Amino acid sequence: MENFDDFVLEEPPEFYRSDKDFTSLAAWQDTREVKLFFYNNVLPKLPNSEKYNLDIQIRKAAVSGTANIAEGYGRFHYQEAIQFYRVSRASVYELKDHLISSLDLEYIIKEIYDNGSALIEKAKVSIN
């Protein structure tokens, strides 16, 4: 039996590209736009009473969207990566619900809702 403690898996240098990682994925870029949209356009509109409720839920889902794509990209097996992309997609769907709640509770105006909804739809397509 081999000693697996000494086993090192190295990517052949001819296949490595330092300019290509998760940040080059359209899905990550689109999800990043969604995250920045919420941080810049929705969170500042929330009242202090939502600080420990809707605010924190939006922050967690927004960060989860990009972070899970990054983590999935770093996984060795394709099937394992897909699971992280599914979690990212779920976070984007969660953000859609938070956007609807923000509109329903009159924390944001329809124009902000429409802009956010368009970004969310774009991200959903690229993740899929």
Protein backbone atom coordinates (compact mmCIF):
# COMPACT_ATOMS: atom_id res chain seq x y z
CA MET A 1 0.00 0.00 0.00
CA GLU A 2 1.25 3.50 -0.87
CA ASN A 3 1.98 6.17 1.69
CA PHE A 4 -0.63 8.85 0.94
CA ASP A 5 0.97 11.34 3.35
CA ASP A 6 3.60 12.02 0.70
CA PHE A 7 1.11 12.34 -2.16
CA VAL A 8 0.96 15.82 -3.67
CA LEU A 9 -1.39 16.74 -6.49
CA GLU A 10 0.03 19.49 -8.61
CA GLU A 11 -1.60 21.22 -11.50
CA PRO A 12 0.65 21.05 -14.55
CA PRO A 13 2.19 24.52 -15.05
CA GLU A 14 1.07 24.66 -18.68
CA PHE A 15 -2.57 24.57 -17.52
CA TYR A 16 -2.29 27.13 -14.72
CA ARG A 17 -3.41 30.68 -15.43
CA SER A 18 -3.14 33.21 -12.64
CA ASP A 19 -5.67 35.47 -14.41
CA LYS A 20 -8.38 32.79 -14.38
CA ASP A 21 -10.18 31.97 -11.17
CA PHE A 22 -13.69 32.34 -9.78
CA THR A 23 -13.64 36.09 -10.46
CA SER A 24 -13.58 35.34 -14.19
CA LEU A 25 -16.94 33.53 -13.99
CA ALA A 26 -19.97 35.45 -15.27
CA ALA A 27 -22.04 33.93 -12.45
CA TRP A 28 -19.71 35.34 -9.78
CA GLN A 29 -19.56 38.74 -11.50
CA ASP A 30 -23.36 38.96 -11.78
CA THR A 31 -23.86 37.82 -8.19
CA ARG A 32 -21.30 40.41 -7.07
CA GLU A 33 -23.40 43.08 -8.80
CA VAL A 34 -26.42 41.89 -6.83
CA LYS A 35 -24.46 42.00 -3.57
CA LEU A 36 -23.19 45.53 -4.24
CA PHE A 37 -26.68 46.66 -5.28
CA PHE A 38 -28.14 45.54 -1.96
CA TYR A 39 -25.30 47.07 0.05
CA ASN A 40 -25.51 50.39 -1.80
CA ASN A 41 -29.22 50.74 -2.53
CA VAL A 42 -31.31 48.67 -0.14
CA LEU A 43 -29.49 48.38 3.19
CA PRO A 44 -29.11 52.18 3.61
CA LYS A 45 -32.90 52.54 3.22
CA LEU A 46 -33.80 50.11 6.00
CA PRO A 47 -34.92 51.59 9.31
CA ASN A 48 -32.99 50.92 12.53
CA SER A 49 -35.78 48.58 13.62
CA GLU A 50 -34.64 46.15 10.88
CA LYS A 51 -30.98 46.15 11.99
CA TYR A 52 -31.18 42.65 13.50
CA ASN A 53 -33.80 41.25 11.17
CA LEU A 54 -34.04 42.06 7.46
CA ASP A 55 -30.69 43.86 7.42
CA ILE A 56 -28.70 40.89 8.71
CA GLN A 57 -30.63 38.45 6.50
CA ILE A 58 -29.79 40.52 3.41
CA ARG A 59 -26.12 40.76 4.38
CA LYS A 60 -25.82 37.00 4.90
CA ALA A 61 -27.57 36.09 1.66
CA ALA A 62 -25.66 38.68 -0.38
CA VAL A 63 -22.27 37.50 0.85
CA SER A 64 -23.31 33.85 0.53
CA GLY A 65 -24.09 34.33 -3.15
CA THR A 66 -20.54 35.20 -4.16
CA ALA A 67 -18.77 33.18 -1.46
CA ASN A 68 -20.40 29.91 -2.47
CA ILE A 69 -19.44 30.38 -6.11
CA ALA A 70 -15.86 31.03 -4.99
CA GLU A 71 -15.84 27.98 -2.74
CA GLY A 72 -17.42 25.78 -5.40
CA TYR A 73 -14.81 26.89 -7.90
CA GLY A 74 -12.10 25.79 -5.50
CA ARG A 75 -13.49 22.28 -5.08
CA PHE A 76 -11.72 19.43 -6.81
CA HIS A 77 -14.73 17.40 -7.94
CA TYR A 78 -17.30 18.80 -10.35
CA GLN A 79 -20.28 17.36 -8.46
CA GLU A 80 -19.06 18.90 -5.21
CA ALA A 81 -18.74 22.29 -6.91
CA ILE A 82 -22.29 22.07 -8.23
CA GLN A 83 -23.65 21.82 -4.69
CA PHE A 84 -22.04 25.16 -3.80
CA TYR A 85 -23.45 26.75 -6.95
CA ARG A 86 -26.90 25.52 -5.89
CA VAL A 87 -26.47 27.20 -2.49
CA SER A 88 -25.45 30.41 -4.28
CA ARG A 89 -28.56 30.23 -6.46
CA ALA A 90 -30.71 29.73 -3.36
CA SER A 91 -29.14 32.84 -1.78
CA VAL A 92 -30.02 34.87 -4.87
CA TYR A 93 -33.62 33.64 -4.64
CA GLU A 94 -33.62 34.59 -0.97
CA LEU A 95 -32.47 38.09 -1.93
CA LYS A 96 -35.41 38.34 -4.34
CA ASP A 97 -37.76 37.68 -1.44
CA HIS A 98 -35.96 40.30 0.68
CA LEU A 99 -36.27 42.78 -2.17
CA ILE A 100 -40.02 42.10 -2.37
CA SER A 101 -40.31 42.51 1.41
CA SER A 102 -38.43 45.80 1.26
CA LEU A 103 -40.89 47.07 -1.36
CA ASP A 104 -43.95 45.73 0.48
CA LEU A 105 -42.84 47.41 3.70
CA GLU A 106 -42.18 50.64 1.78
CA TYR A 107 -38.48 50.76 2.63
CA ILE A 108 -37.59 51.13 -1.05
CA ILE A 109 -39.30 52.67 -4.05
CA LYS A 110 -40.46 50.76 -7.14
CA GLU A 111 -37.50 51.98 -9.22
CA ILE A 112 -35.00 50.43 -6.78
CA TYR A 113 -37.07 47.25 -6.77
CA ASP A 114 -37.11 47.08 -10.58
CA ASN A 115 -33.35 47.64 -10.82
CA GLY A 116 -32.63 45.01 -8.19
CA SER A 117 -35.04 42.54 -9.73
CA ALA A 118 -33.32 42.87 -13.12
CA LEU A 119 -29.90 42.21 -11.55
CA ILE A 120 -31.27 39.20 -9.69
CA GLU A 121 -32.76 37.72 -12.86
CA LYS A 122 -29.45 38.17 -14.67
CA ALA A 123 -27.59 36.44 -11.83
CA LYS A 124 -30.08 33.55 -11.74
CA VAL A 125 -29.55 32.91 -15.44
CA SER A 126 -25.77 32.95 -15.24
CA ILE A 127 -25.68 30.69 -12.17
CA ASN A 128 -27.96 28.19 -13.91
